[in-house]
């Protein structure tokens, strides 16, 4: 991993070479900027790409920092995938770091290190609901897989291995079901086409007619500031 400095208005851009990357991909988060590049991308190509993206980076980074400063508090309500009503978030002194009251739609979190408590609650919720939803989509579209793991990667919403093991990002439970389904379809399509060929995208389109719009939405999603707090 290397770093590239643009100017004082931006933090250093972390450049990561990824074996499966086919294009240069920028990701702006409240804690930093990351550029994923193909293995053989040259420094000149990287600098040219960043130069072309500079104004967009400045605008996006500035907007995020303003939002971070304005909303540096925990939410009082939290919408989670598969529940139509929000959970009321209550901070209090308690033995457990978090506790769901499913009947009352309340999420109790320990008031000490509350950000980490909220993260842990979201991760636990994801481990419960995402695997069963992936299985549901798999049966619906007729594309089987081997296993499902829930993790917290920084740059991917999901992945599929050559053995058809699928990883889903826990943060998906903070998104609408249409976006979660789009990620599931994308990864399940990789069990049939382990690439991003035309055949792969045709398979995706068969099961997600609005996949282009969903891809656009997923690229623009910004997770809440507390989700980036290191545990």
C-alpha atoms as a PDB file:
ATOM      1  CA  UNK A   1       0.000   0.000   0.000  1.00  0.00           C
ATOM      2  CA  UNK A   2       1.276   3.445  -0.903  1.00  0.00           C
ATOM      3  CA  UNK A   3       0.028   6.985  -0.315  1.00  0.00           C
ATOM      4  CA  UNK A   4      -0.401   9.803  -2.820  1.00  0.00           C
ATOM      5  CA  UNK A   5      -0.715  13.447  -1.732  1.00  0.00           C
ATOM      6  CA  UNK A   6      -2.889  15.781  -3.822  1.00  0.00           C
ATOM      7  CA  UNK A   7      -3.134  19.030  -1.880  1.00  0.00           C
ATOM      8  CA  UNK A   8      -3.861  20.471   1.536  1.00  0.00           C
ATOM      9  CA  UNK A   9      -7.640  20.247   1.047  1.00  0.00           C
ATOM     10  CA  UNK A  10      -7.472  16.452   0.967  1.00  0.00           C
ATOM     11  CA  UNK A  11      -5.915  13.706   3.088  1.00  0.00           C
ATOM     12  CA  UNK A  12      -3.356  11.403   1.513  1.00  0.00           C
ATOM     13  CA  UNK A  13      -4.938   8.887  -0.842  1.00  0.00           C
ATOM     14  CA  UNK A  14      -4.130   5.294   0.071  1.00  0.00           C
ATOM     15  CA  UNK A  15      -3.414   3.302  -3.081  1.00  0.00           C
ATOM     16  CA  UNK A  16      -4.089  -0.442  -2.924  1.00  0.00           C
ATOM     17  CA  UNK A  17      -3.247  -2.862  -5.726  1.00  0.00           C
ATOM     18  CA  UNK A  18      -5.774  -5.671  -6.018  1.00  0.00           C
ATOM     19  CA  UNK A  19      -5.274  -8.766  -8.162  1.00  0.00           C
ATOM     20  CA  UNK A  20      -8.908  -8.871  -9.298  1.00  0.00           C
ATOM     21  CA  UNK A  21      -9.260  -5.144  -9.994  1.00  0.00           C
ATOM     22  CA  UNK A  22      -9.911  -4.258 -13.624  1.00  0.00           C
ATOM     23  CA  UNK A  23     -10.456  -0.524 -13.238  1.00  0.00           C
ATOM     24  CA  UNK A  24      -9.305   2.254 -10.930  1.00  0.00           C
ATOM     25  CA  UNK A  25     -11.867   2.741  -8.167  1.00  0.00           C
ATOM     26  CA  UNK A  26     -12.060   5.562  -5.628  1.00  0.00           C
ATOM     27  CA  UNK A  27     -13.768   5.265  -2.258  1.00  0.00           C
ATOM     28  CA  UNK A  28     -14.202   8.304  -0.020  1.00  0.00           C
ATOM     29  CA  UNK A  29     -14.928   7.688   3.661  1.00  0.00           C
ATOM     30  CA  UNK A  30     -15.023  10.119   6.598  1.00  0.00           C
ATOM     31  CA  UNK A  31     -11.725   8.665   7.798  1.00  0.00           C
ATOM     32  CA  UNK A  32      -9.804   8.737   4.505  1.00  0.00           C
ATOM     33  CA  UNK A  33      -9.657   8.164   0.749  1.00  0.00           C
ATOM     34  CA  UNK A  34      -8.739   4.835  -0.839  1.00  0.00           C
ATOM     35  CA  UNK A  35      -7.889   4.096  -4.483  1.00  0.00           C
ATOM     36  CA  UNK A  36      -8.000   0.475  -5.646  1.00  0.00           C
ATOM     37  CA  UNK A  37      -5.992  -0.176  -8.819  1.00  0.00           C
ATOM     38  CA  UNK A  38      -5.157  -3.184 -11.046  1.00  0.00           C
ATOM     39  CA  UNK A  39      -1.786  -4.899 -10.321  1.00  0.00           C
ATOM     40  CA  UNK A  40       0.090  -3.438 -13.273  1.00  0.00           C
ATOM     41  CA  UNK A  41      -1.253   0.121 -13.166  1.00  0.00           C
ATOM     42  CA  UNK A  42       1.621   2.632 -13.481  1.00  0.00           C
ATOM     43  CA  UNK A  43       2.286   5.609 -11.220  1.00  0.00           C
ATOM     44  CA  UNK A  44       1.658   7.923 -14.169  1.00  0.00           C
ATOM     45  CA  UNK A  45      -1.782   6.399 -14.746  1.00  0.00           C
ATOM     46  CA  UNK A  46      -2.583   6.740 -11.042  1.00  0.00           C
ATOM     47  CA  UNK A  47      -1.576  10.414 -10.924  1.00  0.00           C
ATOM     48  CA  UNK A  48      -3.502  11.186 -14.131  1.00  0.00           C
ATOM     49  CA  UNK A  49      -6.620   9.493 -12.766  1.00  0.00           C
ATOM     50  CA  UNK A  50      -6.384  11.365  -9.468  1.00  0.00           C
ATOM     51  CA  UNK A  51      -5.820  14.656 -11.264  1.00  0.00           C
ATOM     52  CA  UNK A  52      -8.954  14.103 -13.336  1.00  0.00           C
ATOM     53  CA  UNK A  53     -10.916  13.212 -10.178  1.00  0.00           C
ATOM     54  CA  UNK A  54      -9.466  15.992  -8.021  1.00  0.00           C
ATOM     55  CA  UNK A  55     -12.436  18.359  -7.971  1.00  0.00           C
ATOM     56  CA  UNK A  56     -14.871  15.534  -7.295  1.00  0.00           C
ATOM     57  CA  UNK A  57     -12.642  14.353  -4.443  1.00  0.00           C
ATOM     58  CA  UNK A  58     -12.473  17.841  -2.921  1.00  0.00           C
ATOM     59  CA  UNK A  59     -16.243  18.321  -3.127  1.00  0.00           C
ATOM     60  CA  UNK A  60     -17.055  14.851  -1.756  1.00  0.00           C
ATOM     61  CA  UNK A  61     -14.490  15.004   1.053  1.00  0.00           C
ATOM     62  CA  UNK A  62     -15.598  18.502   2.114  1.00  0.00           C
ATOM     63  CA  UNK A  63     -19.259  17.494   2.137  1.00  0.00           C
ATOM     64  CA  UNK A  64     -18.521  14.436   4.262  1.00  0.00           C
ATOM     65  CA  UNK A  65     -16.472  16.397   6.780  1.00  0.00           C
ATOM     66  CA  UNK A  66     -19.231  18.999   7.125  1.00  0.00           C
ATOM     67  CA  UNK A  67     -21.808  16.269   7.717  1.00  0.00           C
ATOM     68  CA  UNK A  68     -19.488  14.579  10.199  1.00  0.00           C
ATOM     69  CA  UNK A  69     -19.095  17.782  12.203  1.00  0.00           C
ATOM     70  CA  UNK A  70     -22.822  18.467  12.145  1.00  0.00           C
ATOM     71  CA  UNK A  71     -23.965  14.951  13.041  1.00  0.00           C
ATOM     72  CA  UNK A  72     -21.314  13.720  15.427  1.00  0.00           C
ATOM     73  CA  UNK A  73     -23.958  12.189  17.680  1.00  0.00           C
ATOM     74  CA  UNK A  74     -25.492   8.736  17.743  1.00  0.00           C
ATOM     75  CA  UNK A  75     -28.916   8.238  16.164  1.00  0.00           C
ATOM     76  CA  UNK A  76     -32.012   8.002  18.325  1.00  0.00           C
ATOM     77  CA  UNK A  77     -33.590   5.730  15.728  1.00  0.00           C
ATOM     78  CA  UNK A  78     -31.960   3.086  13.558  1.00  0.00           C
ATOM     79  CA  UNK A  79     -33.524   1.542  10.467  1.00  0.00           C
ATOM     80  CA  UNK A  80     -32.314  -2.002   9.855  1.00  0.00           C
ATOM     81  CA  UNK A  81     -32.865  -4.235   6.849  1.00  0.00           C
ATOM     82  CA  UNK A  82     -35.948  -6.516   7.053  1.00  0.00           C
ATOM     83  CA  UNK A  83     -37.658  -4.358   9.695  1.00  0.00           C
ATOM     84  CA  UNK A  84     -40.137  -1.773   8.422  1.00  0.00           C
ATOM     85  CA  UNK A  85     -40.116   0.213  11.663  1.00  0.00           C
ATOM     86  CA  UNK A  86     -36.972   1.768  13.160  1.00  0.00           C
ATOM     87  CA  UNK A  87     -35.424   0.572  16.388  1.00  0.00           C
ATOM     88  CA  UNK A  88     -35.360   3.195  19.123  1.00  0.00           C
ATOM     89  CA  UNK A  89     -31.755   3.488  20.330  1.00  0.00           C
ATOM     90  CA  UNK A  90     -31.416   3.954  24.074  1.00  0.00           C
ATOM     91  CA  UNK A  91     -28.080   4.452  25.812  1.00  0.00           C
ATOM     92  CA  UNK A  92     -27.878   3.275  29.389  1.00  0.00           C
ATOM     93  CA  UNK A  93     -25.679   1.574  31.931  1.00  0.00           C
ATOM     94  CA  UNK A  94     -25.990  -2.166  31.459  1.00  0.00           C
ATOM     95  CA  UNK A  95     -24.050  -5.386  31.709  1.00  0.00           C
ATOM     96  CA  UNK A  96     -24.257  -6.304  28.034  1.00  0.00           C
ATOM     97  CA  UNK A  97     -22.754  -4.102  25.348  1.00  0.00           C
ATOM     98  CA  UNK A  98     -26.093  -4.169  23.486  1.00  0.00           C
ATOM     99  CA  UNK A  99     -29.508  -5.810  23.710  1.00  0.00           C
ATOM    100  CA  UNK A 100     -32.410  -5.948  21.266  1.00  0.00           C
ATOM    101  CA  UNK A 101     -35.967  -5.799  22.533  1.00  0.00           C
ATOM    102  CA  UNK A 102     -37.671  -7.270  19.480  1.00  0.00           C
ATOM    103  CA  UNK A 103     -41.225  -6.813  20.758  1.00  0.00           C
ATOM    104  CA  UNK A 104     -40.816  -3.127  21.585  1.00  0.00           C
ATOM    105  CA  UNK A 105     -38.437  -2.382  18.673  1.00  0.00           C
ATOM    106  CA  UNK A 106     -35.792  -1.013  21.050  1.00  0.00           C
ATOM    107  CA  UNK A 107     -32.019  -1.346  20.872  1.00  0.00           C
ATOM    108  CA  UNK A 108     -30.359  -0.808  24.248  1.00  0.00           C
ATOM    109  CA  UNK A 109     -26.644   0.005  24.057  1.00  0.00           C
ATOM    110  CA  UNK A 110     -24.102   0.482  26.815  1.00  0.00           C
ATOM    111  CA  UNK A 111     -23.477   4.206  27.269  1.00  0.00           C
ATOM    112  CA  UNK A 112     -19.735   3.655  27.671  1.00  0.00           C
ATOM    113  CA  UNK A 113     -18.102   3.390  24.215  1.00  0.00           C
ATOM    114  CA  UNK A 114     -21.517   3.750  22.635  1.00  0.00           C
ATOM    115  CA  UNK A 115     -20.208   3.860  19.045  1.00  0.00           C
ATOM    116  CA  UNK A 116     -18.576   0.469  19.446  1.00  0.00           C
ATOM    117  CA  UNK A 117     -21.738  -0.877  21.081  1.00  0.00           C
ATOM    118  CA  UNK A 118     -23.812   0.265  18.105  1.00  0.00           C
ATOM    119  CA  UNK A 119     -21.336  -1.320  15.683  1.00  0.00           C
ATOM    120  CA  UNK A 120     -21.465  -4.598  17.591  1.00  0.00           C
ATOM    121  CA  UNK A 121     -25.262  -4.571  17.516  1.00  0.00           C
ATOM    122  CA  UNK A 122     -25.296  -4.010  13.752  1.00  0.00           C
ATOM    123  CA  UNK A 123     -22.738  -6.783  13.188  1.00  0.00           C
ATOM    124  CA  UNK A 124     -24.730  -9.224  15.330  1.00  0.00           C
ATOM    125  CA  UNK A 125     -27.929  -8.299  13.496  1.00  0.00           C
ATOM    126  CA  UNK A 126     -26.183  -8.823  10.143  1.00  0.00           C
ATOM    127  CA  UNK A 127     -24.946 -12.284  11.145  1.00  0.00           C
ATOM    128  CA  UNK A 128     -28.513 -13.246  11.974  1.00  0.00           C
ATOM    129  CA  UNK A 129     -30.388 -11.847   8.985  1.00  0.00           C
ATOM    130  CA  UNK A 130     -28.019 -11.648   5.991  1.00  0.00           C
ATOM    131  CA  UNK A 131     -27.199 -15.384   5.627  1.00  0.00           C
ATOM    132  CA  UNK A 132     -30.865 -16.373   5.650  1.00  0.00           C
ATOM    133  CA  UNK A 133     -31.664 -13.642   3.126  1.00  0.00           C
ATOM    134  CA  UNK A 134     -28.833 -14.785   0.831  1.00  0.00           C
ATOM    135  CA  UNK A 135     -30.234 -18.314   1.024  1.00  0.00           C
ATOM    136  CA  UNK A 136     -33.673 -16.978   0.141  1.00  0.00           C
ATOM    137  CA  UNK A 137     -32.361 -15.118  -2.934  1.00  0.00           C
ATOM    138  CA  UNK A 138     -30.269 -18.158  -3.930  1.00  0.00           C
ATOM    139  CA  UNK A 139     -33.333 -20.392  -3.987  1.00  0.00           C
ATOM    140  CA  UNK A 140     -35.382 -17.725  -5.734  1.00  0.00           C
ATOM    141  CA  UNK A 141     -32.988 -17.324  -8.678  1.00  0.00           C
ATOM    142  CA  UNK A 142     -31.644 -20.899  -8.768  1.00  0.00           C
ATOM    143  CA  UNK A 143     -27.960 -20.150  -8.133  1.00  0.00           C
ATOM    144  CA  UNK A 144     -26.564 -22.223  -5.226  1.00  0.00           C
ATOM    145  CA  UNK A 145     -23.495 -21.394  -3.152  1.00  0.00           C
ATOM    146  CA  UNK A 146     -21.428 -23.150  -0.486  1.00  0.00           C
ATOM    147  CA  UNK A 147     -21.174 -20.941   2.606  1.00  0.00           C
ATOM    148  CA  UNK A 148     -21.837 -17.390   3.756  1.00  0.00           C
ATOM    149  CA  UNK A 149     -19.582 -15.273   5.969  1.00  0.00           C
ATOM    150  CA  UNK A 150     -20.393 -11.824   7.397  1.00  0.00           C
ATOM    151  CA  UNK A 151     -17.454  -9.439   7.749  1.00  0.00           C
ATOM    152  CA  UNK A 152     -16.547  -5.736   7.827  1.00  0.00           C
ATOM    153  CA  UNK A 153     -14.363  -5.086   4.760  1.00  0.00           C
ATOM    154  CA  UNK A 154     -13.485  -1.489   3.925  1.00  0.00           C
ATOM    155  CA  UNK A 155     -13.987  -1.485   0.180  1.00  0.00           C
ATOM    156  CA  UNK A 156     -16.391  -4.253  -0.876  1.00  0.00           C
ATOM    157  CA  UNK A 157     -20.048  -4.917  -0.295  1.00  0.00           C
ATOM    158  CA  UNK A 158     -19.488  -8.600  -1.002  1.00  0.00           C
ATOM    159  CA  UNK A 159     -17.281 -11.218  -2.648  1.00  0.00           C
ATOM    160  CA  UNK A 160     -17.429 -14.775  -3.963  1.00  0.00           C
ATOM    161  CA  UNK A 161     -14.533 -17.243  -3.900  1.00  0.00           C
ATOM    162  CA  UNK A 162     -13.703 -19.886  -6.504  1.00  0.00           C
ATOM    163  CA  UNK A 163     -15.229 -22.434  -4.094  1.00  0.00           C
ATOM    164  CA  UNK A 164     -18.503 -20.469  -4.154  1.00  0.00           C
ATOM    165  CA  UNK A 165     -18.122 -19.189  -0.606  1.00  0.00           C
ATOM    166  CA  UNK A 166     -19.809 -15.783  -0.356  1.00  0.00           C
ATOM    167  CA  UNK A 167     -18.868 -12.902   1.942  1.00  0.00           C
ATOM    168  CA  UNK A 168     -21.346 -10.113   2.682  1.00  0.00           C
ATOM    169  CA  UNK A 169     -20.522  -6.781   4.295  1.00  0.00           C
ATOM    170  CA  UNK A 170     -22.312  -6.371   7.635  1.00  0.00           C
ATOM    171  CA  UNK A 171     -23.097  -2.744   6.734  1.00  0.00           C
ATOM    172  CA  UNK A 172     -25.627  -3.977   4.162  1.00  0.00           C
ATOM    173  CA  UNK A 173     -28.231  -4.139   6.941  1.00  0.00           C
ATOM    174  CA  UNK A 174     -28.129  -0.332   7.059  1.00  0.00           C
ATOM    175  CA  UNK A 175     -29.374  -0.198   3.451  1.00  0.00           C
ATOM    176  CA  UNK A 176     -32.729  -0.720   1.703  1.00  0.00           C
ATOM    177  CA  UNK A 177     -33.606  -4.298   0.764  1.00  0.00           C
ATOM    178  CA  UNK A 178     -33.284  -3.510  -2.959  1.00  0.00           C
ATOM    179  CA  UNK A 179     -29.587  -2.744  -2.480  1.00  0.00           C
ATOM    180  CA  UNK A 180     -29.028  -5.840  -0.339  1.00  0.00           C
ATOM    181  CA  UNK A 181     -30.694  -8.015  -2.944  1.00  0.00           C
ATOM    182  CA  UNK A 182     -28.577  -6.452  -5.699  1.00  0.00           C
ATOM    183  CA  UNK A 183     -25.371  -7.399  -3.852  1.00  0.00           C
ATOM    184  CA  UNK A 184     -26.642 -10.930  -3.247  1.00  0.00           C
ATOM    185  CA  UNK A 185     -27.544 -11.366  -6.919  1.00  0.00           C
ATOM    186  CA  UNK A 186     -24.138 -10.011  -7.971  1.00  0.00           C
ATOM    187  CA  UNK A 187     -22.223 -12.466  -5.784  1.00  0.00           C
ATOM    188  CA  UNK A 188     -24.452 -15.411  -6.643  1.00  0.00           C
ATOM    189  CA  UNK A 189     -23.926 -14.692 -10.347  1.00  0.00           C
ATOM    190  CA  UNK A 190     -20.206 -15.207  -9.709  1.00  0.00           C
ATOM    191  CA  UNK A 191     -20.917 -18.846  -8.870  1.00  0.00           C
ATOM    192  CA  UNK A 192     -21.761 -19.241 -12.562  1.00  0.00           C
ATOM    193  CA  UNK A 193     -19.299 -16.741 -14.082  1.00  0.00           C
ATOM    194  CA  UNK A 194     -16.182 -16.083 -12.007  1.00  0.00           C
ATOM    195  CA  UNK A 195     -15.367 -12.813 -13.773  1.00  0.00           C
ATOM    196  CA  UNK A 196     -17.035  -9.614 -14.944  1.00  0.00           C
ATOM    197  CA  UNK A 197     -17.552 -10.709 -18.529  1.00  0.00           C
ATOM    198  CA  UNK A 198     -20.577  -9.915 -20.690  1.00  0.00           C
ATOM    199  CA  UNK A 199     -21.993 -13.321 -19.754  1.00  0.00           C
ATOM    200  CA  UNK A 200     -21.726 -12.408 -16.072  1.00  0.00           C
ATOM    201  CA  UNK A 201     -23.569  -9.105 -16.478  1.00  0.00           C
ATOM    202  CA  UNK A 202     -26.240 -10.845 -18.571  1.00  0.00           C
ATOM    203  CA  UNK A 203     -26.752 -13.276 -15.700  1.00  0.00           C
ATOM    204  CA  UNK A 204     -27.034 -10.382 -13.234  1.00  0.00           C
ATOM    205  CA  UNK A 205     -29.531  -8.585 -15.488  1.00  0.00           C
ATOM    206  CA  UNK A 206     -31.745 -11.705 -15.615  1.00  0.00           C
ATOM    207  CA  UNK A 207     -32.318 -11.500 -11.858  1.00  0.00           C
ATOM    208  CA  UNK A 208     -31.935  -7.760 -11.233  1.00  0.00           C
ATOM    209  CA  UNK A 209     -33.488  -5.701 -14.011  1.00  0.00           C
ATOM    210  CA  UNK A 210     -32.374  -2.419 -12.399  1.00  0.00           C
ATOM    211  CA  UNK A 211     -28.816  -3.533 -11.647  1.00  0.00           C
ATOM    212  CA  UNK A 212     -27.243  -0.466 -13.262  1.00  0.00           C
ATOM    213  CA  UNK A 213     -29.213   1.850 -10.989  1.00  0.00           C
ATOM    214  CA  UNK A 214     -28.423  -0.326  -7.981  1.00  0.00           C
ATOM    215  CA  UNK A 215     -24.710  -0.200  -8.833  1.00  0.00           C
ATOM    216  CA  UNK A 216     -24.891   3.585  -8.996  1.00  0.00           C
ATOM    217  CA  UNK A 217     -26.659   3.746  -5.642  1.00  0.00           C
ATOM    218  CA  UNK A 218     -24.146   1.422  -3.960  1.00  0.00           C
ATOM    219  CA  UNK A 219     -21.236   3.539  -5.169  1.00  0.00           C
ATOM    220  CA  UNK A 220     -22.801   6.649  -3.637  1.00  0.00           C
ATOM    221  CA  UNK A 221     -23.787   5.194  -0.257  1.00  0.00           C
ATOM    222  CA  UNK A 222     -22.006   6.798   2.685  1.00  0.00           C
ATOM    223  CA  UNK A 223     -22.117   4.928   5.966  1.00  0.00           C
ATOM    224  CA  UNK A 224     -22.774   6.874   9.198  1.00  0.00           C
ATOM    225  CA  UNK A 225     -19.772   8.280  11.062  1.00  0.00           C
ATOM    226  CA  UNK A 226     -20.124   5.927  14.049  1.00  0.00           C
ATOM    227  CA  UNK A 227     -19.705   2.893  11.808  1.00  0.00           C
ATOM    228  CA  UNK A 228     -16.086   3.890  11.119  1.00  0.00           C
ATOM    229  CA  UNK A 229     -15.111   4.135  14.767  1.00  0.00           C
ATOM    230  CA  UNK A 230     -12.367   1.597  15.448  1.00  0.00           C
ATOM    231  CA  UNK A 231     -13.241  -1.091  17.965  1.00  0.00           C
END
